[in-house]
Amino acid sequence: MQSTDKQSCKPGFWNDIRPIMVTGSALLVVMFVLFTVINPDYAGTVFNSARDFIASNLSWYYIALMNFYLIFALLLVFSKYGKIRLGANSDKPEFSYFAWFSMLFGAGIGIGILFWSIAEPIFYLQNNPFISDTQSMTAEAAQVAMRVAIFHWGLHGWALYAVLGMTFAYFTYRKGLPLSIRSALYPIFGERIYGPIGNIADLLAVLGTVFGIATSLGLGAQQMNAGISYLLDIEISTAIQILLIAVISIVATASVLSGVNKGIRILSELNMSLTLLILALFVVFGPTLYLLSCIAVNTVDYLINAPALGVWIAPVEHAQWQSDWTIFYWGWWLAWSPFTGIFIARISRGRTVREFILVVLVVPTVLTILWITIFGNSAMYIELFGDGGVAAAVNADTTTALFKTIELLDVGYVLTGIMATICTFMLLTYFVTSADSATLVICTLVAMGNNDPPAKLRIFWGVAIGAVAAVLLYSGGLQALKTASIVVALPFSVVLILATFGLCKSLYNEGKTINTEPFLINPSTTKPVE
């Protein structure tokens, strides 16, 4: 039996599908959906208990892990390993910089940052552990709010994506192993990655991807419902949000059937173009000089304070705040890391280690600072120096924050409608991009690294991702979505640590002959990506 398992994954495995991965991953997700639908109240209690345990006992672990990956990423950039190419020494990148960055950013955080870029700073403006009660709703509180919001979306999270994505690309294109989690474990377990050890690692990655993406899709559906409500006066309800998830899951499945070079790339480039357009509209028609000064101030302020924020562990009186915000975000980044890491690896053949990490670490962080500053400080300006109203809207319904801010910018009826329409359409396109990217990654995992998994597999997982997002919304809305991210990140973090150790071991061995052509563990698996 063991020899059969190995044979199916070695030469010629590209066209094979392993039943244990297909059925095992599907059964786990179906069991979760049934458990949540049959008794949502009990399911909510179980999820919350798991979240509370992690928040009370393992916050330090999540914090330490995120700091480690930021330091490790910087060390790789400045080490001799930075010149290693992710592929043969003669390989060239498949995508242009714009297409590459558009896809990695859209897969990484696009839909999530649309949801939180205004609501999160406004929450912190009213209350956070780093200001006193008397500082609430002041300019000082606004600066702290922007600092913390950017911290949650900045270098720490992108460092995790950079290291993990580079790890998968390295073992796939440099060493000829499958594009899957198990490949990073080869230096530790050798041929045993083709058995139960590898199956468990990949199944945990599938679960992390499903629940991580479901969290974002649930948030996106809620905000899209708010946008449609604003434009067409349709009610905001869970039923409509589930309907939106169903419709967009169908569109996303159609997109993933067309492949990376068509549907996903085109949509990602459209997303980036719309993002730059809406940011420009906010700057030109909003408080222009104020926003430009905030970009400079927020950047410097974040870089100075990020190290201290990164190691801060809340005292008892602020433990709940840290659980609701920082630990939620670290869990969300960790849960997303297998999906984003594999997807970025999939589109990064031919890059060097240094180029890969610098771009994935720095460029999205710069865009994140611009995005949160332009959106968040526009809302701050209205709240502190205008007639207010954003905070009240956020407190009443978080999903309406973006559209209420556009309305209160007071740029005229026509331009308000145009900006709201662009944002609603962006929610749609980022929604589809996230869903089809995740579907492709899950299919790649269960198909043992196959870059072109069967259409039936893509259809099943396109539907399954939407179903999980809908079930989480049904069972508890936003809180259930946040809880799922925190909980699912814990078991996968163990695999993440092992994968990093495997990378270090392999890089150390390669460092002795760094300028030679790579040694291929499985030469037959190195066909070019399609």
Protein backbone atom coordinates (compact mmCIF):
# COMPACT_ATOMS: atom_id res chain seq x y z
CA MET A 1 0.00 0.00 0.00
CA GLN A 2 2.84 2.36 0.85
CA SER A 3 4.55 1.84 -2.49
CA THR A 4 1.30 2.53 -4.32
CA ASP A 5 0.90 5.83 -2.49
CA LYS A 6 4.39 6.91 -3.44
CA GLN A 7 4.04 5.91 -7.03
CA SER A 8 0.90 8.01 -7.49
CA CYS A 9 2.77 11.11 -6.43
CA LYS A 10 6.06 10.67 -8.20
CA PRO A 11 6.77 10.64 -11.94
CA GLY A 12 3.51 11.16 -13.79
CA PHE A 13 1.53 12.31 -10.76
CA TRP A 14 0.45 15.53 -12.50
CA ASN A 15 -2.54 13.85 -14.08
CA ASP A 16 -3.49 11.77 -11.03
CA ILE A 17 -6.09 12.52 -8.37
CA ARG A 18 -5.76 10.92 -4.95
CA PRO A 19 -9.15 9.72 -3.63
CA ILE A 20 -8.11 10.11 0.01
CA MET A 21 -7.47 13.83 -0.50
CA VAL A 22 -10.60 14.46 -2.56
CA THR A 23 -13.01 12.55 -0.34
CA GLY A 24 -11.30 13.39 2.97
CA SER A 25 -11.31 17.14 2.41
CA ALA A 26 -14.87 17.10 1.09
CA LEU A 27 -16.14 15.04 4.03
CA LEU A 28 -14.53 17.34 6.59
CA VAL A 29 -16.17 20.42 5.07
CA VAL A 30 -19.57 18.73 4.63
CA MET A 31 -19.48 17.53 8.26
CA PHE A 32 -18.77 21.08 9.42
CA VAL A 33 -21.65 22.48 7.35
CA LEU A 34 -24.09 19.88 8.70
CA PHE A 35 -22.92 20.38 12.29
CA THR A 36 -23.49 24.12 12.02
CA VAL A 37 -26.84 24.00 10.19
CA ILE A 38 -28.45 21.31 12.34
CA ASN A 39 -27.78 23.11 15.63
CA PRO A 40 -26.43 26.64 15.06
CA ASP A 41 -26.75 27.64 18.72
CA TYR A 42 -24.67 24.72 19.95
CA ALA A 43 -22.18 25.20 17.12
CA GLY A 44 -21.82 28.85 18.11
CA THR A 45 -21.15 27.85 21.71
CA VAL A 46 -18.43 25.39 20.63
CA PHE A 47 -16.77 27.93 18.35
CA ASN A 48 -16.82 30.63 21.00
CA SER A 49 -15.39 28.33 23.64
CA ALA A 50 -12.50 27.43 21.34
CA ARG A 51 -11.90 31.11 20.57
CA ASP A 52 -11.95 32.06 24.26
CA PHE A 53 -9.45 29.33 25.09
CA ILE A 54 -7.05 30.54 22.41
CA ALA A 55 -7.45 34.18 23.42
CA SER A 56 -6.84 33.38 27.10
CA ASN A 57 -3.95 30.95 26.73
CA LEU A 58 -2.31 31.31 23.32
CA SER A 59 -2.33 35.00 22.41
CA TRP A 60 1.41 35.11 23.10
CA TYR A 61 1.93 32.25 20.63
CA TYR A 62 0.14 34.02 17.77
CA ILE A 63 2.05 37.24 18.52
CA ALA A 64 5.44 35.48 18.67
CA LEU A 65 4.76 33.62 15.42
CA MET A 66 3.95 36.79 13.47
CA ASN A 67 7.04 38.57 14.79
CA PHE A 68 9.25 35.62 13.92
CA TYR A 69 8.13 35.64 10.28
CA LEU A 70 8.78 39.35 9.87
CA ILE A 71 12.33 38.95 11.21
CA PHE A 72 12.89 35.79 9.15
CA ALA A 73 11.70 37.48 5.94
CA LEU A 74 14.11 40.39 6.46
CA LEU A 75 16.99 37.99 7.13
CA LEU A 76 16.31 36.14 3.87
CA VAL A 77 16.30 39.39 1.89
CA PHE A 78 19.75 40.38 3.09
CA SER A 79 21.26 36.89 3.10
CA LYS A 80 23.26 35.13 0.38
CA TYR A 81 20.16 33.07 -0.35
CA GLY A 82 18.44 36.12 -1.84
CA LYS A 83 20.03 35.46 -5.25
CA ILE A 84 18.50 31.96 -5.55
CA ARG A 85 16.00 31.79 -8.40
CA LEU A 86 12.65 30.10 -7.87
CA GLY A 87 13.18 27.68 -10.73
CA ALA A 88 16.11 26.90 -12.99
CA ASN A 89 18.75 29.61 -13.15
CA SER A 90 17.61 30.47 -16.68
CA ASP A 91 13.87 30.73 -15.86
CA LYS A 92 12.12 34.05 -16.46
CA PRO A 93 8.95 35.36 -14.75
CA GLU A 94 5.66 34.37 -16.37
CA PHE A 95 3.74 37.57 -15.54
CA SER A 96 4.47 41.30 -15.72
CA TYR A 97 4.97 43.17 -12.46
CA PHE A 98 1.53 44.78 -12.70
CA ALA A 99 -0.28 41.50 -13.33
CA TRP A 100 1.79 39.71 -10.67
CA PHE A 101 1.18 42.34 -8.02
CA SER A 102 -2.51 42.71 -8.90
CA MET A 103 -3.09 38.98 -8.45
CA LEU A 104 -1.13 38.65 -5.20
CA PHE A 105 -2.77 41.71 -3.63
CA GLY A 106 -6.27 40.69 -4.67
CA ALA A 107 -5.74 37.17 -3.34
CA GLY A 108 -4.12 38.49 -0.16
CA ILE A 109 -6.44 41.08 1.39
CA GLY A 110 -8.47 42.95 -1.21
CA ILE A 111 -12.01 42.25 -0.04
CA GLY A 112 -11.11 42.41 3.66
CA ILE A 113 -9.49 45.83 3.49
CA LEU A 114 -12.55 47.20 1.67
CA PHE A 115 -14.63 46.13 4.65
CA TRP A 116 -12.38 47.39 7.45
CA SER A 117 -10.48 50.40 6.06
CA ILE A 118 -13.03 52.87 7.49
CA ALA A 119 -14.86 50.90 10.17
CA GLU A 120 -11.73 49.78 12.00
CA PRO A 121 -10.09 53.23 12.45
CA ILE A 122 -13.45 54.67 13.52
CA PHE A 123 -13.82 51.99 16.20
CA TYR A 124 -10.32 52.79 17.48
CA LEU A 125 -11.06 56.52 17.42
CA GLN A 126 -13.74 55.87 20.03
CA ASN A 127 -11.89 53.32 22.12
CA ASN A 128 -8.59 51.46 22.19
CA PRO A 129 -6.09 50.46 24.90
CA PHE A 130 -3.52 53.09 23.88
CA ILE A 131 -5.63 56.16 24.68
CA SER A 132 -7.38 57.38 27.81
CA ASP A 133 -11.12 57.97 28.02
CA THR A 134 -10.56 61.73 27.82
CA GLN A 135 -8.64 61.35 24.51
CA SER A 136 -11.50 59.56 22.75
CA MET A 137 -12.68 61.31 19.57
CA THR A 138 -9.70 63.68 19.47
CA ALA A 139 -6.88 64.26 16.97
CA GLU A 140 -4.51 62.31 19.25
CA ALA A 141 -6.89 59.35 19.26
CA ALA A 142 -7.17 59.58 15.47
CA GLN A 143 -3.41 59.19 15.04
CA VAL A 144 -3.30 56.18 17.34
CA ALA A 145 -6.30 54.68 15.53
CA MET A 146 -4.59 54.94 12.16
CA ARG A 147 -1.37 53.49 13.58
CA VAL A 148 -3.11 50.40 14.95
CA ALA A 149 -5.24 49.85 11.84
CA ILE A 150 -2.21 49.98 9.53
CA PHE A 151 -0.32 47.69 11.92
CA HIS A 152 -2.98 44.99 11.56
CA TRP A 153 -2.74 45.12 7.74
CA GLY A 154 0.96 45.84 7.31
CA LEU A 155 4.37 44.21 7.35
CA HIS A 156 3.73 41.44 9.87
CA GLY A 157 0.99 39.78 7.84
CA TRP A 158 2.67 40.23 4.49
CA ALA A 159 5.91 38.78 5.88
CA LEU A 160 4.03 35.57 6.66
CA TYR A 161 2.69 35.42 3.09
CA ALA A 162 6.13 36.22 1.65
CA VAL A 163 7.95 33.46 3.54
CA LEU A 164 5.32 30.81 2.97
CA GLY A 165 4.79 31.68 -0.69
CA MET A 166 8.53 31.67 -1.34
CA THR A 167 8.79 28.30 0.44
CA PHE A 168 6.22 26.66 -1.84
CA ALA A 169 7.69 28.23 -4.98
CA TYR A 170 11.17 27.10 -3.96
CA PHE A 171 10.25 23.45 -3.42
CA THR A 172 8.04 23.32 -6.52
CA TYR A 173 10.11 25.12 -9.13
CA ARG A 174 13.60 24.69 -7.66
CA LYS A 175 13.28 21.15 -6.35
CA GLY A 176 10.61 19.65 -8.60
CA LEU A 177 8.13 18.70 -5.88
CA PRO A 178 4.31 19.09 -6.04
CA LEU A 179 2.82 22.54 -5.46
CA SER A 180 1.45 21.60 -2.05
CA ILE A 181 2.13 21.98 1.66
CA ARG A 182 3.67 18.52 1.98
CA SER A 183 6.57 19.44 -0.30
CA ALA A 184 8.05 21.81 2.30
CA LEU A 185 8.23 18.86 4.69
CA TYR A 186 10.44 16.78 2.37
CA PRO A 187 13.74 17.76 4.06
CA ILE A 188 12.30 16.49 7.36
CA PHE A 189 10.30 13.40 6.40
CA GLY A 190 11.65 12.49 2.96
CA GLU A 191 9.51 10.06 0.94
CA ARG A 192 7.04 9.81 3.81
CA ILE A 193 5.42 13.07 2.64
CA TYR A 194 3.62 10.91 0.06
CA GLY A 195 1.75 9.11 2.84
CA PRO A 196 -0.38 10.08 5.87
CA ILE A 197 1.98 12.84 7.04
CA GLY A 198 1.62 14.73 3.77
CA ASN A 199 -2.13 14.07 3.62
CA ILE A 200 -2.66 15.57 7.08
CA ALA A 201 -0.59 18.66 6.22
CA ASP A 202 -2.52 19.28 3.00
CA LEU A 203 -5.91 18.63 4.64
CA LEU A 204 -5.14 21.20 7.35
CA ALA A 205 -4.20 23.65 4.60
CA VAL A 206 -7.49 22.98 2.83
CA LEU A 207 -9.45 23.66 6.01
CA GLY A 208 -7.45 26.82 6.69
CA THR A 209 -8.14 28.03 3.17
CA VAL A 210 -11.85 27.22 3.30
CA PHE A 211 -12.48 29.00 6.59
CA GLY A 212 -10.12 31.86 5.89
CA ILE A 213 -11.72 32.64 2.55
CA ALA A 214 -15.21 32.06 3.95
CA THR A 215 -14.54 34.78 6.51
CA SER A 216 -13.66 37.27 3.80
CA LEU A 217 -16.54 36.25 1.57
CA GLY A 218 -18.98 36.61 4.45
CA LEU A 219 -17.68 40.10 5.23
CA GLY A 220 -17.79 40.99 1.54
CA ALA A 221 -21.38 39.81 1.17
CA GLN A 222 -22.45 41.90 4.16
CA GLN A 223 -20.82 45.03 2.76
CA MET A 224 -22.08 44.39 -0.76
CA ASN A 225 -25.58 44.12 0.66
CA ALA A 226 -25.02 47.52 2.30
CA GLY A 227 -23.85 48.99 -1.02
CA ILE A 228 -26.83 47.65 -2.96
CA SER A 229 -29.11 48.88 -0.18
CA TYR A 230 -27.58 52.35 -0.47
CA LEU A 231 -27.92 52.43 -4.26
CA LEU A 232 -31.25 50.62 -4.75
CA ASP A 233 -32.92 50.87 -1.34
CA ILE A 234 -32.96 47.10 -0.82
CA GLU A 235 -33.08 45.80 2.75
CA ILE A 236 -29.99 44.54 4.60
CA SER A 237 -30.59 40.96 5.73
CA THR A 238 -28.84 37.64 6.14
CA ALA A 239 -31.10 36.09 3.49
CA ILE A 240 -29.98 38.60 0.85
CA GLN A 241 -26.33 38.13 1.88
CA ILE A 242 -26.62 34.36 1.44
CA LEU A 243 -28.25 34.92 -1.95
CA LEU A 244 -25.34 37.18 -2.95
CA ILE A 245 -22.86 34.51 -1.88
CA ALA A 246 -24.69 31.91 -3.97
CA VAL A 247 -24.79 34.05 -7.11
CA ILE A 248 -21.19 35.22 -6.86
CA SER A 249 -19.94 31.70 -6.10
CA ILE A 250 -21.37 30.66 -9.46
CA VAL A 251 -19.57 33.54 -11.19
CA ALA A 252 -16.33 32.70 -9.34
CA THR A 253 -16.59 29.05 -10.35
CA ALA A 254 -16.97 30.07 -13.98
CA SER A 255 -13.90 32.29 -13.61
CA VAL A 256 -11.73 29.55 -12.13
CA LEU A 257 -12.72 27.19 -14.94
CA SER A 258 -11.06 29.64 -17.35
CA GLY A 259 -7.69 29.40 -15.55
CA VAL A 260 -5.10 31.83 -14.17
CA ASN A 261 -4.06 33.48 -17.42
CA LYS A 262 -7.60 34.44 -18.36
CA GLY A 263 -10.26 34.92 -15.68
CA ILE A 264 -8.14 35.41 -12.57
CA ARG A 265 -5.47 37.62 -14.16
CA ILE A 266 -7.97 39.83 -16.00
CA LEU A 267 -10.16 40.30 -12.93
CA SER A 268 -7.14 41.05 -10.74
CA GLU A 269 -5.89 43.73 -13.12
CA LEU A 270 -9.39 45.22 -13.22
CA ASN A 271 -9.45 45.24 -9.41
CA MET A 272 -6.18 47.11 -9.24
CA SER A 273 -7.27 49.68 -11.82
CA LEU A 274 -10.52 50.33 -9.93
CA THR A 275 -8.61 50.56 -6.64
CA LEU A 276 -6.29 53.24 -7.98
CA LEU A 277 -9.29 55.08 -9.48
CA ILE A 278 -11.33 55.18 -6.26
CA LEU A 279 -8.32 56.21 -4.19
CA ALA A 280 -7.67 59.05 -6.63
CA LEU A 281 -11.32 60.18 -6.44
CA PHE A 282 -11.17 60.26 -2.63
CA VAL A 283 -7.99 62.37 -2.71
CA VAL A 284 -9.11 64.79 -5.42
CA PHE A 285 -12.67 65.37 -4.20
CA GLY A 286 -12.05 64.87 -0.48
CA PRO A 287 -9.87 66.86 1.94
CA THR A 288 -6.87 66.73 -0.43
CA LEU A 289 -4.16 68.55 1.54
CA TYR A 290 -5.19 66.84 4.78
CA LEU A 291 -4.98 63.38 3.16
CA LEU A 292 -1.60 64.05 1.56
CA SER A 293 -0.14 65.14 4.89
CA CYS A 294 -1.71 62.11 6.61
CA ILE A 295 -0.03 59.74 4.13
CA ALA A 296 3.41 61.00 5.17
CA VAL A 297 2.61 61.21 8.89
CA ASN A 298 0.96 57.77 9.05
CA THR A 299 3.81 56.08 7.21
CA VAL A 300 6.48 57.41 9.55
CA ASP A 301 4.31 56.89 12.63
CA TYR A 302 3.62 53.26 11.70
CA LEU A 303 7.26 52.41 10.97
CA ILE A 304 8.39 53.91 14.28
CA ASN A 305 5.74 52.20 16.40
CA ALA A 306 5.30 48.84 14.61
CA PRO A 307 8.05 47.05 16.61
CA ALA A 308 6.46 47.99 19.95
CA LEU A 309 2.95 47.13 18.76
CA GLY A 310 4.23 43.81 17.43
CA VAL A 311 5.38 42.57 20.84
CA TRP A 312 2.60 44.14 22.96
CA ILE A 313 0.63 41.64 25.05
CA ALA A 314 -2.46 43.16 26.62
CA PRO A 315 -2.93 43.33 30.39
CA VAL A 316 -6.05 41.68 31.78
CA GLU A 317 -8.26 44.75 31.39
CA HIS A 318 -7.52 44.96 27.67
CA ALA A 319 -7.32 41.22 26.90
CA GLN A 320 -10.76 41.15 25.28
CA TRP A 321 -9.85 44.02 22.97
CA GLN A 322 -6.67 42.26 21.84
CA SER A 323 -8.63 39.04 21.28
CA ASP A 324 -11.30 40.81 19.23
CA TRP A 325 -8.81 42.70 17.09
CA THR A 326 -5.12 41.74 17.02
CA ILE A 327 -5.55 38.01 17.68
CA PHE A 328 -8.44 37.89 15.21
CA TYR A 329 -6.22 39.47 12.57
CA TRP A 330 -3.26 37.17 13.27
CA GLY A 331 -5.58 34.18 13.11
CA TRP A 332 -7.03 35.48 9.85
CA TRP A 333 -3.57 35.95 8.28
CA LEU A 334 -2.53 32.47 9.47
CA ALA A 335 -5.71 30.85 8.16
CA TRP A 336 -5.23 32.57 4.79
CA SER A 337 -1.52 31.79 4.57
CA PRO A 338 -1.75 28.34 2.87
CA PHE A 339 -4.13 29.70 0.25
CA THR A 340 -2.28 32.95 -0.41
CA GLY A 341 1.14 31.32 -0.15
CA ILE A 342 0.32 28.62 -2.71
CA PHE A 343 -1.43 31.06 -5.04
CA ILE A 344 1.47 33.54 -4.98
CA ALA A 345 3.88 30.66 -5.52
CA ARG A 346 1.77 29.50 -8.47
CA ILE A 347 2.30 32.86 -10.25
CA SER A 348 5.94 33.47 -9.24
CA ARG A 349 8.13 31.04 -11.12
CA GLY A 350 11.38 32.68 -12.26
CA ARG A 351 11.59 35.34 -9.52
CA THR A 352 14.57 35.40 -7.17
CA VAL A 353 14.12 34.90 -3.42
CA ARG A 354 15.12 38.54 -2.77
CA GLU A 355 12.82 39.94 -5.46
CA PHE A 356 9.92 37.77 -4.31
CA ILE A 357 10.14 38.69 -0.63
CA LEU A 358 10.78 42.40 -1.20
CA VAL A 359 7.83 42.81 -3.55
CA VAL A 360 5.41 40.72 -1.48
CA LEU A 361 6.52 42.43 1.73
CA VAL A 362 6.90 46.07 0.69
CA VAL A 363 4.60 46.86 -2.24
CA PRO A 364 1.32 45.59 -0.68
CA THR A 365 2.24 47.32 2.60
CA VAL A 366 2.69 50.63 0.75
CA LEU A 367 -0.68 50.24 -0.97
CA THR A 368 -2.24 49.26 2.35
CA ILE A 369 -0.95 52.44 4.00
CA LEU A 370 -2.34 54.52 1.12
CA TRP A 371 -5.68 52.71 1.17
CA ILE A 372 -6.31 52.85 4.93
CA THR A 373 -5.05 56.43 5.15
CA ILE A 374 -7.16 57.75 2.27
CA PHE A 375 -10.34 55.95 3.32
CA GLY A 376 -9.81 56.07 7.08
CA ASN A 377 -8.61 59.66 7.35
CA SER A 378 -11.42 60.85 5.07
CA ALA A 379 -13.82 59.43 7.64
CA MET A 380 -11.75 60.92 10.48
CA TYR A 381 -11.88 64.36 8.84
CA ILE A 382 -15.66 64.20 8.61
CA GLU A 383 -15.93 63.06 12.22
CA LEU A 384 -13.45 65.50 13.79
CA PHE A 385 -13.65 68.57 11.57
CA GLY A 386 -16.96 68.21 9.75
CA ASP A 387 -20.54 67.48 10.72
CA GLY A 388 -19.81 63.94 11.92
CA GLY A 389 -22.04 60.94 11.37
CA VAL A 390 -19.56 58.22 10.39
CA ALA A 391 -19.06 56.92 13.94
CA ALA A 392 -22.80 56.70 14.51
CA ALA A 393 -23.20 54.76 11.25
CA VAL A 394 -20.35 52.39 12.14
CA ASN A 395 -21.79 51.76 15.60
CA ALA A 396 -25.21 51.05 14.12
CA ASP A 397 -24.03 48.81 11.25
CA THR A 398 -20.37 48.21 10.44
CA THR A 399 -21.13 47.27 6.84
CA THR A 400 -22.41 50.76 6.01
CA ALA A 401 -19.18 52.59 6.96
CA LEU A 402 -17.79 52.96 3.44
CA PHE A 403 -21.01 54.16 1.84
CA LYS A 404 -21.88 56.55 4.68
CA THR A 405 -18.42 58.13 4.33
CA ILE A 406 -18.92 58.62 0.58
CA GLU A 407 -22.27 60.25 1.26
CA LEU A 408 -20.85 62.60 3.93
CA LEU A 409 -17.98 63.71 1.69
CA ASP A 410 -20.68 65.90 0.14
CA VAL A 411 -19.29 65.77 -3.41
CA GLY A 412 -22.65 66.06 -5.12
CA TYR A 413 -25.38 63.60 -5.98
CA VAL A 414 -23.89 62.39 -9.26
CA LEU A 415 -20.32 61.85 -8.02
CA THR A 416 -21.59 60.23 -4.82
CA GLY A 417 -23.53 57.72 -6.91
CA ILE A 418 -20.52 57.06 -9.15
CA MET A 419 -18.17 56.46 -6.20
CA ALA A 420 -20.69 54.22 -4.42
CA THR A 421 -21.23 52.24 -7.62
CA ILE A 422 -17.47 51.79 -8.14
CA CYS A 423 -17.05 50.55 -4.56
CA THR A 424 -19.95 48.12 -4.87
CA PHE A 425 -18.54 46.80 -8.15
CA MET A 426 -15.11 46.49 -6.50
CA LEU A 427 -16.68 44.37 -3.78
CA LEU A 428 -18.06 42.14 -6.52
CA THR A 429 -14.78 41.80 -8.42
CA TYR A 430 -12.64 41.32 -5.30
CA PHE A 431 -15.21 38.82 -4.06
CA VAL A 432 -14.94 36.81 -7.29
CA THR A 433 -11.14 37.08 -7.40
CA SER A 434 -10.76 35.80 -3.83
CA ALA A 435 -13.21 32.97 -4.38
CA ASP A 436 -11.77 31.75 -7.69
CA SER A 437 -8.17 32.00 -6.42
CA ALA A 438 -9.07 29.98 -3.32
CA THR A 439 -10.93 27.41 -5.40
CA LEU A 440 -7.90 26.93 -7.64
CA VAL A 441 -5.59 26.52 -4.64
CA ILE A 442 -7.83 23.98 -2.91
CA CYS A 443 -8.15 21.97 -6.12
CA THR A 444 -4.37 22.09 -6.55
CA LEU A 445 -3.92 20.76 -3.01
CA VAL A 446 -6.39 17.88 -3.26
CA ALA A 447 -5.07 17.03 -6.73
CA MET A 448 -1.53 16.67 -5.41
CA GLY A 449 -0.12 19.82 -6.98
CA ASN A 450 -1.82 19.51 -10.37
CA ASN A 451 -1.80 22.95 -12.02
CA ASP A 452 -4.82 22.00 -14.12
CA PRO A 453 -7.21 20.10 -11.83
CA PRO A 454 -10.39 18.56 -13.31
CA ALA A 455 -13.39 20.82 -13.93
CA LYS A 456 -15.62 18.73 -11.63
CA LEU A 457 -13.22 19.36 -8.77
CA ARG A 458 -13.24 23.12 -9.42
CA ILE A 459 -17.05 23.20 -9.54
CA PHE A 460 -17.41 21.27 -6.28
CA TRP A 461 -15.00 23.50 -4.36
CA GLY A 462 -16.40 26.68 -5.87
CA VAL A 463 -19.80 25.69 -4.46
CA ALA A 464 -18.34 24.41 -1.16
CA ILE A 465 -16.55 27.67 -0.34
CA GLY A 466 -19.75 29.64 -0.86
CA ALA A 467 -21.68 27.15 1.26
CA VAL A 468 -19.27 27.49 4.20
CA ALA A 469 -19.45 31.30 4.03
CA ALA A 470 -23.24 31.15 3.98
CA VAL A 471 -23.37 28.71 6.90
CA LEU A 472 -21.06 30.88 9.01
CA LEU A 473 -23.26 33.90 8.34
CA TYR A 474 -26.36 31.88 9.22
CA SER A 475 -24.88 30.58 12.47
CA GLY A 476 -23.73 33.87 13.92
CA GLY A 477 -22.86 36.55 11.42
CA LEU A 478 -19.66 38.54 11.81
CA GLN A 479 -18.70 37.02 15.16
CA ALA A 480 -18.89 33.47 13.78
CA LEU A 481 -16.72 34.50 10.83
CA LYS A 482 -14.09 36.03 13.11
CA THR A 483 -14.12 33.03 15.43
CA ALA A 484 -13.59 30.54 12.59
CA SER A 485 -10.42 32.33 11.50
CA ILE A 486 -8.88 32.35 14.96
CA VAL A 487 -9.62 28.68 15.65
CA VAL A 488 -8.60 27.14 12.33
CA ALA A 489 -5.25 28.94 12.37
CA LEU A 490 -4.03 27.01 15.43
CA PRO A 491 -3.54 23.49 14.00
CA PHE A 492 -2.12 24.79 10.73
CA SER A 493 0.47 26.89 12.56
CA VAL A 494 2.23 23.64 13.55
CA VAL A 495 2.56 22.66 9.89
CA LEU A 496 3.76 26.18 9.14
CA ILE A 497 6.61 25.87 11.64
CA LEU A 498 7.66 22.49 10.23
CA ALA A 499 7.59 23.88 6.68
CA THR A 500 9.84 26.76 7.72
CA PHE A 501 12.30 24.34 9.30
CA GLY A 502 12.27 22.31 6.09
CA LEU A 503 13.05 25.45 4.09
CA CYS A 504 15.96 26.37 6.36
CA LYS A 505 17.41 22.88 6.08
CA SER A 506 17.19 22.86 2.29
CA LEU A 507 18.57 26.41 1.90
CA TYR A 508 21.53 25.55 4.13
CA ASN A 509 22.41 22.59 1.92
CA GLU A 510 21.97 24.61 -1.27
CA GLY A 511 24.06 27.45 0.10
CA LYS A 512 27.17 25.38 -0.45
CA THR A 513 26.59 25.37 -4.24
CA ILE A 514 24.40 28.44 -4.64
CA ASN A 515 25.37 29.35 -8.23
CA THR A 516 24.79 25.91 -9.75
CA GLU A 517 21.65 24.55 -11.35
CA PRO A 518 19.16 23.24 -8.75
CA PHE A 519 19.13 19.61 -7.67
CA LEU A 520 15.70 18.23 -8.61
CA ILE A 521 14.18 15.77 -6.18
CA ASN A 522 11.51 14.85 -8.75
CA PRO A 523 12.68 16.00 -12.21
CA SER A 524 9.51 14.78 -13.95
CA THR A 525 7.32 17.22 -11.99
CA THR A 526 8.98 20.36 -13.27
CA LYS A 527 6.96 20.98 -16.40
CA PRO A 528 6.26 24.70 -16.93
CA VAL A 529 3.08 26.15 -15.47
CA GLU A 530 0.29 26.66 -17.97
